[in-house]
Amino acid sequence: MYPRKGVIRNGADADIVIWDPNYKHTISCKTHHHKVDFNIFEGLEVEGKALTTFSRGHIVWKNDQFLNQNKGQYVERKPFGFVYSRHPNWTQSNNPLNWKVDRSKV
């Protein structure tokens, strides 16, 4: 998606989050914007919170409220990109069956 995403510069989408890393709060289904009445992290105390979120240069989240919804735009990507192409190498190098033990001197 680079250079359209993941960078702040002319021509990019301006998807930006203003983050407060020191904000402490407790996760609760009562404060989330979900259509379910539970959260698997219910009661977990965490640090950090998105204060303001921009999508394509428009404020879409501020003061715990959604604003200007539907400002996003679908970005088509090929399936199985860079991360997936690296996975077989990682799997192969971390497979214990490939770790040889020299027992010739035992």
PDB file of N, CA and C in Angstrom:
ATOM      1  N   MET A   1       0.815  -1.184   0.000  1.00  0.00           N
ATOM      2  CA  MET A   1       0.000   0.000   0.000  1.00  0.00           C
ATOM      3  C   MET A   1       0.867   1.259   0.000  1.00  0.00           C
ATOM      4  N   TYR A   2       2.142   1.107   0.336  1.00  0.00           N
ATOM      5  CA  TYR A   2       3.063   2.244   0.287  1.00  0.00           C
ATOM      6  C   TYR A   2       3.255   2.655  -1.166  1.00  0.00           C
ATOM      7  N   PRO A   3       3.303   3.913  -1.494  1.00  0.00           N
ATOM      8  CA  PRO A   3       3.431   5.109  -0.658  1.00  0.00           C
ATOM      9  C   PRO A   3       2.111   5.780  -0.319  1.00  0.00           C
ATOM     10  N   ARG A   4       0.997   5.162  -0.660  1.00  0.00           N
ATOM     11  CA  ARG A   4      -0.294   5.772  -0.352  1.00  0.00           C
ATOM     12  C   ARG A   4      -0.617   5.675   1.133  1.00  0.00           C
ATOM     13  N   LYS A   5      -0.184   4.600   1.765  1.00  0.00           N
ATOM     14  CA  LYS A   5      -0.417   4.382   3.196  1.00  0.00           C
ATOM     15  C   LYS A   5       0.920   4.246   3.904  1.00  0.00           C
ATOM     16  N   GLY A   6       0.920   4.513   5.214  1.00  0.00           N
ATOM     17  CA  GLY A   6       2.096   4.278   6.024  1.00  0.00           C
ATOM     18  C   GLY A   6       3.149   5.356   5.984  1.00  0.00           C
ATOM     19  N   VAL A   7       2.821   6.522   5.430  1.00  0.00           N
ATOM     20  CA  VAL A   7       3.785   7.604   5.351  1.00  0.00           C
ATOM     21  C   VAL A   7       3.037   8.936   5.385  1.00  0.00           C
ATOM     22  N   ILE A   8       3.663   9.941   5.969  1.00  0.00           N
ATOM     23  CA  ILE A   8       3.078  11.283   5.974  1.00  0.00           C
ATOM     24  C   ILE A   8       3.838  12.105   4.947  1.00  0.00           C
ATOM     25  N   ARG A   9       3.197  12.349   3.807  1.00  0.00           N
ATOM     26  CA  ARG A   9       3.806  13.154   2.750  1.00  0.00           C
ATOM     27  C   ARG A   9       2.748  13.504   1.713  1.00  0.00           C
ATOM     28  N   ASN A  10       3.075  14.406   0.811  1.00  0.00           N
ATOM     29  CA  ASN A  10       2.136  14.790  -0.242  1.00  0.00           C
ATOM     30  C   ASN A  10       1.727  13.566  -1.050  1.00  0.00           C
ATOM     31  N   GLY A  11       0.426  13.460  -1.314  1.00  0.00           N
ATOM     32  CA  GLY A  11      -0.093  12.360  -2.108  1.00  0.00           C
ATOM     33  C   GLY A  11      -0.540  11.159  -1.302  1.00  0.00           C
ATOM     34  N   ALA A  12      -0.137  11.080  -0.033  1.00  0.00           N
ATOM     35  CA  ALA A  12      -0.566   9.966   0.821  1.00  0.00           C
ATOM     36  C   ALA A  12      -1.968  10.264   1.363  1.00  0.00           C
ATOM     37  N   ASP A  13      -2.622   9.252   1.927  1.00  0.00           N
ATOM     38  CA  ASP A  13      -4.012   9.384   2.351  1.00  0.00           C
ATOM     39  C   ASP A  13      -4.239  10.179   3.635  1.00  0.00           C
ATOM     40  N   ALA A  14      -3.212  10.482   4.383  1.00  0.00           N
ATOM     41  CA  ALA A  14      -3.345  11.221   5.651  1.00  0.00           C
ATOM     42  C   ALA A  14      -4.190  10.449   6.654  1.00  0.00           C
ATOM     43  N   ASP A  15      -3.925   9.149   6.783  1.00  0.00           N
ATOM     44  CA  ASP A  15      -4.532   8.332   7.832  1.00  0.00           C
ATOM     45  C   ASP A  15      -3.615   8.429   9.052  1.00  0.00           C
ATOM     46  N   ILE A  16      -4.056   9.156  10.072  1.00  0.00           N
ATOM     47  CA  ILE A  16      -3.199   9.471  11.210  1.00  0.00           C
ATOM     48  C   ILE A  16      -3.986   9.278  12.503  1.00  0.00           C
ATOM     49  N   VAL A  17      -3.311   8.777  13.538  1.00  0.00           N
ATOM     50  CA  VAL A  17      -3.911   8.655  14.862  1.00  0.00           C
ATOM     51  C   VAL A  17      -3.082   9.479  15.840  1.00  0.00           C
ATOM     52  N   ILE A  18      -3.758  10.332  16.607  1.00  0.00           N
ATOM     53  CA  ILE A  18      -3.118  11.060  17.700  1.00  0.00           C
ATOM     54  C   ILE A  18      -3.316  10.194  18.941  1.00  0.00           C
ATOM     55  N   TRP A  19      -2.222   9.714  19.510  1.00  0.00           N
ATOM     56  CA  TRP A  19      -2.256   8.688  20.557  1.00  0.00           C
ATOM     57  C   TRP A  19      -1.715   9.248  21.864  1.00  0.00           C
ATOM     58  N   ASP A  20      -2.430   9.010  22.958  1.00  0.00           N
ATOM     59  CA  ASP A  20      -1.948   9.372  24.288  1.00  0.00           C
ATOM     60  C   ASP A  20      -1.467   8.089  24.968  1.00  0.00           C
ATOM     61  N   PRO A  21      -0.144   7.876  25.057  1.00  0.00           N
ATOM     62  CA  PRO A  21       0.361   6.624  25.627  1.00  0.00           C
ATOM     63  C   PRO A  21       0.200   6.545  27.141  1.00  0.00           C
ATOM     64  N   ASN A  22      -0.083   7.649  27.806  1.00  0.00           N
ATOM     65  CA  ASN A  22      -0.184   7.661  29.270  1.00  0.00           C
ATOM     66  C   ASN A  22      -1.613   7.548  29.786  1.00  0.00           C
ATOM     67  N   TYR A  23      -2.593   7.564  28.904  1.00  0.00           N
ATOM     68  CA  TYR A  23      -3.991   7.497  29.316  1.00  0.00           C
ATOM     69  C   TYR A  23      -4.286   6.101  29.876  1.00  0.00           C
ATOM     70  N   LYS A  24      -4.754   6.032  31.107  1.00  0.00           N
ATOM     71  CA  LYS A  24      -5.069   4.750  31.747  1.00  0.00           C
ATOM     72  C   LYS A  24      -6.577   4.580  31.810  1.00  0.00           C
ATOM     73  N   HIS A  25      -7.034   3.398  31.445  1.00  0.00           N
ATOM     74  CA  HIS A  25      -8.470   3.122  31.522  1.00  0.00           C
ATOM     75  C   HIS A  25      -8.712   1.626  31.604  1.00  0.00           C
ATOM     76  N   THR A  26      -9.940   1.276  31.919  1.00  0.00           N
ATOM     77  CA  THR A  26     -10.346  -0.124  32.037  1.00  0.00           C
ATOM     78  C   THR A  26     -11.254  -0.469  30.873  1.00  0.00           C
ATOM     79  N   ILE A  27     -10.934  -1.558  30.202  1.00  0.00           N
ATOM     80  CA  ILE A  27     -11.744  -1.994  29.060  1.00  0.00           C
ATOM     81  C   ILE A  27     -13.094  -2.498  29.547  1.00  0.00           C
ATOM     82  N   SER A  28     -14.158  -2.053  28.879  1.00  0.00           N
ATOM     83  CA  SER A  28     -15.509  -2.469  29.240  1.00  0.00           C
ATOM     84  C   SER A  28     -16.400  -2.452  28.001  1.00  0.00           C
ATOM     85  N   CYS A  29     -17.303  -3.405  27.930  1.00  0.00           N
ATOM     86  CA  CYS A  29     -18.249  -3.436  26.812  1.00  0.00           C
ATOM     87  C   CYS A  29     -19.177  -2.221  26.860  1.00  0.00           C
ATOM     88  N   LYS A  30     -19.311  -1.615  28.022  1.00  0.00           N
ATOM     89  CA  LYS A  30     -20.193  -0.451  28.156  1.00  0.00           C
ATOM     90  C   LYS A  30     -19.627   0.795  27.482  1.00  0.00           C
ATOM     91  N   THR A  31     -18.309   0.819  27.259  1.00  0.00           N
ATOM     92  CA  THR A  31     -17.696   1.994  26.657  1.00  0.00           C
ATOM     93  C   THR A  31     -17.232   1.743  25.218  1.00  0.00           C
ATOM     94  N   HIS A  32     -17.418   0.541  24.707  1.00  0.00           N
ATOM     95  CA  HIS A  32     -17.006   0.239  23.336  1.00  0.00           C
ATOM     96  C   HIS A  32     -18.158   0.428  22.361  1.00  0.00           C
ATOM     97  N   HIS A  33     -17.807   0.597  21.125  1.00  0.00           N
ATOM     98  CA  HIS A  33     -18.806   0.819  20.079  1.00  0.00           C
ATOM     99  C   HIS A  33     -18.990  -0.471  19.287  1.00  0.00           C
ATOM    100  N   HIS A  34     -19.521  -1.480  19.971  1.00  0.00           N
ATOM    101  CA  HIS A  34     -19.762  -2.784  19.356  1.00  0.00           C
ATOM    102  C   HIS A  34     -21.248  -3.084  19.433  1.00  0.00           C
ATOM    103  N   LYS A  35     -21.680  -4.024  18.646  1.00  0.00           N
ATOM    104  CA  LYS A  35     -23.083  -4.431  18.696  1.00  0.00           C
ATOM    105  C   LYS A  35     -23.271  -5.663  19.569  1.00  0.00           C
ATOM    106  N   VAL A  36     -22.261  -5.978  20.365  1.00  0.00           N
ATOM    107  CA  VAL A  36     -22.364  -7.114  21.286  1.00  0.00           C
ATOM    108  C   VAL A  36     -22.283  -6.577  22.716  1.00  0.00           C
ATOM    109  N   ASP A  37     -22.788  -7.365  23.656  1.00  0.00           N
ATOM    110  CA  ASP A  37     -22.826  -6.904  25.038  1.00  0.00           C
ATOM    111  C   ASP A  37     -21.750  -7.563  25.899  1.00  0.00           C
ATOM    112  N   PHE A  38     -20.610  -7.919  25.294  1.00  0.00           N
ATOM    113  CA  PHE A  38     -19.511  -8.496  26.049  1.00  0.00           C
ATOM    114  C   PHE A  38     -18.186  -8.087  25.402  1.00  0.00           C
ATOM    115  N   ASN A  39     -17.136  -8.244  26.156  1.00  0.00           N
ATOM    116  CA  ASN A  39     -15.793  -8.010  25.639  1.00  0.00           C
ATOM    117  C   ASN A  39     -14.874  -9.013  26.316  1.00  0.00           C
ATOM    118  N   ILE A  40     -14.073  -9.730  25.549  1.00  0.00           N
ATOM    119  CA  ILE A  40     -13.225 -10.758  26.160  1.00  0.00           C
ATOM    120  C   ILE A  40     -12.148 -10.148  27.052  1.00  0.00           C
ATOM    121  N   PHE A  41     -11.920  -8.846  26.929  1.00  0.00           N
ATOM    122  CA  PHE A  41     -10.938  -8.163  27.767  1.00  0.00           C
ATOM    123  C   PHE A  41     -11.600  -7.342  28.875  1.00  0.00           C
ATOM    124  N   GLU A  42     -12.847  -7.628  29.162  1.00  0.00           N
ATOM    125  CA  GLU A  42     -13.615  -6.903  30.173  1.00  0.00           C
ATOM    126  C   GLU A  42     -12.836  -6.806  31.483  1.00  0.00           C
ATOM    127  N   GLY A  43     -12.699  -5.575  31.994  1.00  0.00           N
ATOM    128  CA  GLY A  43     -12.037  -5.350  33.273  1.00  0.00           C
ATOM    129  C   GLY A  43     -10.523  -5.202  33.197  1.00  0.00           C
ATOM    130  N   LEU A  44      -9.940  -5.397  32.036  1.00  0.00           N
ATOM    131  CA  LEU A  44      -8.492  -5.290  31.896  1.00  0.00           C
ATOM    132  C   LEU A  44      -8.064  -3.821  31.921  1.00  0.00           C
ATOM    133  N   GLU A  45      -7.133  -3.500  32.806  1.00  0.00           N
ATOM    134  CA  GLU A  45      -6.623  -2.137  32.876  1.00  0.00           C
ATOM    135  C   GLU A  45      -5.497  -1.985  31.862  1.00  0.00           C
ATOM    136  N   VAL A  46      -5.587  -0.942  31.029  1.00  0.00           N
ATOM    137  CA  VAL A  46      -4.611  -0.736  29.957  1.00  0.00           C
ATOM    138  C   VAL A  46      -4.154   0.718  29.945  1.00  0.00           C
ATOM    139  N   GLU A  47      -3.061   0.950  29.235  1.00  0.00           N
ATOM    140  CA  GLU A  47      -2.550   2.302  29.032  1.00  0.00           C
ATOM    141  C   GLU A  47      -2.538   2.595  27.549  1.00  0.00           C
ATOM    142  N   GLY A  48      -2.912   3.823  27.199  1.00  0.00           N
ATOM    143  CA  GLY A  48      -2.907   4.255  25.814  1.00  0.00           C
ATOM    144  C   GLY A  48      -4.313   4.399  25.261  1.00  0.00           C
ATOM    145  N   LYS A  49      -4.495   5.461  24.466  1.00  0.00           N
ATOM    146  CA  LYS A  49      -5.818   5.698  23.898  1.00  0.00           C
ATOM    147  C   LYS A  49      -5.693   6.588  22.666  1.00  0.00           C
ATOM    148  N   ALA A  50      -6.482   6.267  21.650  1.00  0.00           N
ATOM    149  CA  ALA A  50      -6.564   7.123  20.467  1.00  0.00           C
ATOM    150  C   ALA A  50      -7.421   8.333  20.820  1.00  0.00           C
ATOM    151  N   LEU A  51      -6.829   9.519  20.738  1.00  0.00           N
ATOM    152  CA  LEU A  51      -7.573  10.738  21.041  1.00  0.00           C
ATOM    153  C   LEU A  51      -8.302  11.261  19.810  1.00  0.00           C
ATOM    154  N   THR A  52      -7.615  11.258  18.685  1.00  0.00           N
ATOM    155  CA  THR A  52      -8.174  11.741  17.427  1.00  0.00           C
ATOM    156  C   THR A  52      -7.669  10.851  16.305  1.00  0.00           C
ATOM    157  N   THR A  53      -8.543  10.519  15.375  1.00  0.00           N
ATOM    158  CA  THR A  53      -8.165   9.696  14.229  1.00  0.00           C
ATOM    159  C   THR A  53      -8.601  10.393  12.954  1.00  0.00           C
ATOM    160  N   PHE A  54      -7.691  10.459  11.991  1.00  0.00           N
ATOM    161  CA  PHE A  54      -7.951  11.043  10.685  1.00  0.00           C
ATOM    162  C   PHE A  54      -7.965   9.932   9.641  1.00  0.00           C
ATOM    163  N   SER A  55      -8.925   9.971   8.748  1.00  0.00           N
ATOM    164  CA  SER A  55      -8.978   9.061   7.601  1.00  0.00           C
ATOM    165  C   SER A  55      -9.065   9.912   6.349  1.00  0.00           C
ATOM    166  N   ARG A  56      -8.053   9.793   5.506  1.00  0.00           N
ATOM    167  CA  ARG A  56      -7.958  10.580   4.285  1.00  0.00           C
ATOM    168  C   ARG A  56      -8.088  12.080   4.568  1.00  0.00           C
ATOM    169  N   GLY A  57      -7.514  12.501   5.706  1.00  0.00           N
ATOM    170  CA  GLY A  57      -7.487  13.908   6.063  1.00  0.00           C
ATOM    171  C   GLY A  57      -8.708  14.408   6.805  1.00  0.00           C
ATOM    172  N   HIS A  58      -9.718  13.566   7.001  1.00  0.00           N
ATOM    173  CA  HIS A  58     -10.942  13.957   7.714  1.00  0.00           C
ATOM    174  C   HIS A  58     -10.900  13.389   9.125  1.00  0.00           C
ATOM    175  N   ILE A  59     -11.305  14.191  10.115  1.00  0.00           N
ATOM    176  CA  ILE A  59     -11.410  13.675  11.480  1.00  0.00           C
ATOM    177  C   ILE A  59     -12.575  12.701  11.534  1.00  0.00           C
ATOM    178  N   VAL A  60     -12.293  11.460  11.934  1.00  0.00           N
ATOM    179  CA  VAL A  60     -13.352  10.453  12.026  1.00  0.00           C
ATOM    180  C   VAL A  60     -13.578   9.979  13.464  1.00  0.00           C
ATOM    181  N   TRP A  61     -12.695  10.373  14.391  1.00  0.00           N
ATOM    182  CA  TRP A  61     -12.860  10.013  15.798  1.00  0.00           C
ATOM    183  C   TRP A  61     -12.265  11.125  16.647  1.00  0.00           C
ATOM    184  N   LYS A  62     -13.065  11.672  17.558  1.00  0.00           N
ATOM    185  CA  LYS A  62     -12.577  12.708  18.468  1.00  0.00           C
ATOM    186  C   LYS A  62     -13.521  12.790  19.653  1.00  0.00           C
ATOM    187  N   ASN A  63     -12.961  13.001  20.846  1.00  0.00           N
ATOM    188  CA  ASN A  63     -13.766  13.111  22.070  1.00  0.00           C
ATOM    189  C   ASN A  63     -14.685  11.907  22.255  1.00  0.00           C
ATOM    190  N   ASP A  64     -14.149  10.718  21.968  1.00  0.00           N
ATOM    191  CA  ASP A  64     -14.892   9.457  22.143  1.00  0.00           C
ATOM    192  C   ASP A  64     -16.137   9.358  21.275  1.00  0.00           C
ATOM    193  N   GLN A  65     -16.144  10.036  20.138  1.00  0.00           N
ATOM    194  CA  GLN A  65     -17.289   9.972  19.239  1.00  0.00           C
ATOM    195  C   GLN A  65     -16.820   9.825  17.794  1.00  0.00           C
ATOM    196  N   PHE A  66     -17.605   9.072  17.021  1.00  0.00           N
ATOM    197  CA  PHE A  66     -17.349   8.959  15.589  1.00  0.00           C
ATOM    198  C   PHE A  66     -17.875  10.203  14.885  1.00  0.00           C
ATOM    199  N   LEU A  67     -17.116  10.702  13.931  1.00  0.00           N
ATOM    200  CA  LEU A  67     -17.504  11.860  13.132  1.00  0.00           C
ATOM    201  C   LEU A  67     -17.179  11.549  11.672  1.00  0.00           C
ATOM    202  N   ASN A  68     -17.874  12.153  10.757  1.00  0.00           N
ATOM    203  CA  ASN A  68     -17.545  12.017   9.334  1.00  0.00           C
ATOM    204  C   ASN A  68     -17.311  10.567   8.908  1.00  0.00           C
ATOM    205  N   GLN A  69     -18.202   9.695   9.305  1.00  0.00           N
ATOM    206  CA  GLN A  69     -18.028   8.288   8.946  1.00  0.00           C
ATOM    207  C   GLN A  69     -18.103   8.096   7.433  1.00  0.00           C
ATOM    208  N   ASN A  70     -17.609   6.973   7.006  1.00  0.00           N
ATOM    209  CA  ASN A  70     -17.607   6.571   5.593  1.00  0.00           C
ATOM    210  C   ASN A  70     -16.712   7.461   4.737  1.00  0.00           C
ATOM    211  N   LYS A  71     -15.628   7.955   5.299  1.00  0.00           N
ATOM    212  CA  LYS A  71     -14.666   8.751   4.541  1.00  0.00           C
ATOM    213  C   LYS A  71     -13.537   7.880   3.989  1.00  0.00           C
ATOM    214  N   GLY A  72     -13.494   6.630   4.420  1.00  0.00           N
ATOM    215  CA  GLY A  72     -12.438   5.732   3.952  1.00  0.00           C
ATOM    216  C   GLY A  72     -12.635   5.339   2.499  1.00  0.00           C
ATOM    217  N   GLN A  73     -11.619   4.744   1.945  1.00  0.00           N
ATOM    218  CA  GLN A  73     -11.686   4.285   0.556  1.00  0.00           C
ATOM    219  C   GLN A  73     -10.971   2.946   0.464  1.00  0.00           C
ATOM    220  N   TYR A  74     -11.600   2.005  -0.206  1.00  0.00           N
ATOM    221  CA  TYR A  74     -11.030   0.672  -0.366  1.00  0.00           C
ATOM    222  C   TYR A  74      -9.749   0.742  -1.201  1.00  0.00           C
ATOM    223  N   VAL A  75      -8.712   0.096  -0.705  1.00  0.00           N
ATOM    224  CA  VAL A  75      -7.447   0.023  -1.429  1.00  0.00           C
ATOM    225  C   VAL A  75      -7.231  -1.437  -1.794  1.00  0.00           C
ATOM    226  N   GLU A  76      -7.315  -1.736  -3.063  1.00  0.00           N
ATOM    227  CA  GLU A  76      -7.157  -3.116  -3.505  1.00  0.00           C
ATOM    228  C   GLU A  76      -5.703  -3.546  -3.355  1.00  0.00           C
ATOM    229  N   ARG A  77      -5.519  -4.739  -2.833  1.00  0.00           N
ATOM    230  CA  ARG A  77      -4.187  -5.307  -2.650  1.00  0.00           C
ATOM    231  C   ARG A  77      -4.176  -6.732  -3.151  1.00  0.00           C
ATOM    232  N   LYS A  78      -3.028  -7.163  -3.587  1.00  0.00           N
ATOM    233  CA  LYS A  78      -2.890  -8.558  -3.988  1.00  0.00           C
ATOM    234  C   LYS A  78      -2.862  -9.415  -2.727  1.00  0.00           C
ATOM    235  N   PRO A  79      -3.504 -10.575  -2.765  1.00  0.00           N
ATOM    236  CA  PRO A  79      -3.448 -11.452  -1.594  1.00  0.00           C
ATOM    237  C   PRO A  79      -2.045 -12.023  -1.429  1.00  0.00           C
ATOM    238  N   PHE A  80      -1.726 -12.372  -0.209  1.00  0.00           N
ATOM    239  CA  PHE A  80      -0.461 -13.035   0.105  1.00  0.00           C
ATOM    240  C   PHE A  80       0.738 -12.188  -0.317  1.00  0.00           C
ATOM    241  N   GLY A  81       0.841 -11.004   0.262  1.00  0.00           N
ATOM    242  CA  GLY A  81       1.915 -10.073  -0.051  1.00  0.00           C
ATOM    243  C   GLY A  81       3.224 -10.421   0.625  1.00  0.00           C
ATOM    244  N   PHE A  82       4.013  -9.404   0.932  1.00  0.00           N
ATOM    245  CA  PHE A  82       5.363  -9.560   1.439  1.00  0.00           C
ATOM    246  C   PHE A  82       5.434 -10.431   2.692  1.00  0.00           C
ATOM    247  N   VAL A  83       4.541 -10.187   3.644  1.00  0.00           N
ATOM    248  CA  VAL A  83       4.587 -10.937   4.895  1.00  0.00           C
ATOM    249  C   VAL A  83       4.422 -12.422   4.627  1.00  0.00           C
ATOM    250  N   TYR A  84       3.488 -12.780   3.768  1.00  0.00           N
ATOM    251  CA  TYR A  84       3.250 -14.185   3.473  1.00  0.00           C
ATOM    252  C   TYR A  84       4.415 -14.801   2.704  1.00  0.00           C
ATOM    253  N   SER A  85       5.074 -14.014   1.870  1.00  0.00           N
ATOM    254  CA  SER A  85       6.205 -14.561   1.107  1.00  0.00           C
ATOM    255  C   SER A  85       7.377 -14.858   2.029  1.00  0.00           C
ATOM    256  N   ARG A  86       7.470 -14.164   3.157  1.00  0.00           N
ATOM    257  CA  ARG A  86       8.549 -14.402   4.119  1.00  0.00           C
ATOM    258  C   ARG A  86       8.229 -15.558   5.062  1.00  0.00           C
ATOM    259  N   HIS A  87       6.977 -15.913   5.201  1.00  0.00           N
ATOM    260  CA  HIS A  87       6.572 -16.929   6.169  1.00  0.00           C
ATOM    261  C   HIS A  87       7.233 -18.293   5.945  1.00  0.00           C
ATOM    262  N   PRO A  88       7.286 -18.828   4.725  1.00  0.00           N
ATOM    263  CA  PRO A  88       7.935 -20.140   4.558  1.00  0.00           C
ATOM    264  C   PRO A  88       9.397 -20.148   5.014  1.00  0.00           C
ATOM    265  N   ASN A  89      10.120 -19.066   4.783  1.00  0.00           N
ATOM    266  CA  ASN A  89      11.510 -18.986   5.240  1.00  0.00           C
ATOM    267  C   ASN A  89      11.593 -19.011   6.755  1.00  0.00           C
ATOM    268  N   TRP A  90      10.695 -18.272   7.401  1.00  0.00           N
ATOM    269  CA  TRP A  90      10.685 -18.243   8.857  1.00  0.00           C
ATOM    270  C   TRP A  90      10.335 -19.621   9.407  1.00  0.00           C
ATOM    271  N   THR A  91       9.319 -20.233   8.836  1.00  0.00           N
ATOM    272  CA  THR A  91       8.893 -21.557   9.289  1.00  0.00           C
ATOM    273  C   THR A  91      10.024 -22.570   9.132  1.00  0.00           C
ATOM    274  N   GLN A  92      10.690 -22.544   8.006  1.00  0.00           N
ATOM    275  CA  GLN A  92      11.781 -23.475   7.738  1.00  0.00           C
ATOM    276  C   GLN A  92      12.941 -23.267   8.718  1.00  0.00           C
ATOM    277  N   SER A  93      13.316 -22.029   8.955  1.00  0.00           N
ATOM    278  CA  SER A  93      14.467 -21.753   9.823  1.00  0.00           C
ATOM    279  C   SER A  93      14.167 -22.008  11.291  1.00  0.00           C
ATOM    280  N   ASN A  94      12.901 -22.008  11.685  1.00  0.00           N
ATOM    281  CA  ASN A  94      12.531 -22.240  13.080  1.00  0.00           C
ATOM    282  C   ASN A  94      12.002 -23.639  13.342  1.00  0.00           C
ATOM    283  N   ASN A  95      12.087 -24.503  12.359  1.00  0.00           N
ATOM    284  CA  ASN A  95      11.618 -25.882  12.522  1.00  0.00           C
ATOM    285  C   ASN A  95      12.690 -26.684  13.260  1.00  0.00           C
ATOM    286  N   PRO A  96      12.403 -27.203  14.456  1.00  0.00           N
ATOM    287  CA  PRO A  96      13.410 -27.944  15.222  1.00  0.00           C
ATOM    288  C   PRO A  96      13.936 -29.176  14.486  1.00  0.00           C
ATOM    289  N   LEU A  97      13.166 -29.694  13.548  1.00  0.00           N
ATOM    290  CA  LEU A  97      13.639 -30.868  12.804  1.00  0.00           C
ATOM    291  C   LEU A  97      14.832 -30.531  11.914  1.00  0.00           C
ATOM    292  N   ASN A  98      15.037 -29.245  11.658  1.00  0.00           N
ATOM    293  CA  ASN A  98      16.171 -28.824  10.832  1.00  0.00           C
ATOM    294  C   ASN A  98      17.418 -28.504  11.647  1.00  0.00           C
ATOM    295  N   TRP A  99      17.308 -28.572  12.954  1.00  0.00           N
ATOM    296  CA  TRP A  99      18.457 -28.273  13.803  1.00  0.00           C
ATOM    297  C   TRP A  99      19.251 -29.553  13.983  1.00  0.00           C
ATOM    298  N   LYS A 100      20.416 -29.610  13.414  1.00  0.00           N
ATOM    299  CA  LYS A 100      21.249 -30.806  13.472  1.00  0.00           C
ATOM    300  C   LYS A 100      22.081 -30.807  14.760  1.00  0.00           C
ATOM    301  N   VAL A 101      22.186 -31.953  15.379  1.00  0.00           N
ATOM    302  CA  VAL A 101      23.008 -32.124  16.569  1.00  0.00           C
ATOM    303  C   VAL A 101      24.150 -33.039  16.183  1.00  0.00           C
ATOM    304  N   ASP A 102      25.365 -32.552  16.347  1.00  0.00           N
ATOM    305  CA  ASP A 102      26.539 -33.349  16.020  1.00  0.00           C
ATOM    306  C   ASP A 102      26.807 -34.342  17.138  1.00  0.00           C
ATOM    307  N   ARG A 103      26.567 -35.597  16.883  1.00  0.00           N
ATOM    308  CA  ARG A 103      26.787 -36.655  17.881  1.00  0.00           C
ATOM    309  C   ARG A 103      27.973 -37.533  17.528  1.00  0.00           C
ATOM    310  N   SER A 104      28.753 -37.096  16.563  1.00  0.00           N
ATOM    311  CA  SER A 104      29.878 -37.910  16.115  1.00  0.00           C
ATOM    312  C   SER A 104      30.960 -38.022  17.179  1.00  0.00           C
ATOM    313  N   LYS A 105      30.998 -37.107  18.138  1.00  0.00           N
ATOM    314  CA  LYS A 105      32.046 -37.110  19.145  1.00  0.00           C
ATOM    315  C   LYS A 105      31.552 -37.683  20.470  1.00  0.00           C
ATOM    316  N   VAL A 106      30.386 -38.285  20.457  1.00  0.00           N
ATOM    317  CA  VAL A 106      29.821 -38.821  21.696  1.00  0.00           C
ATOM    318  C   VAL A 106      30.321 -40.211  21.932  1.00  0.00           C
TER     319      VAL A 106
END
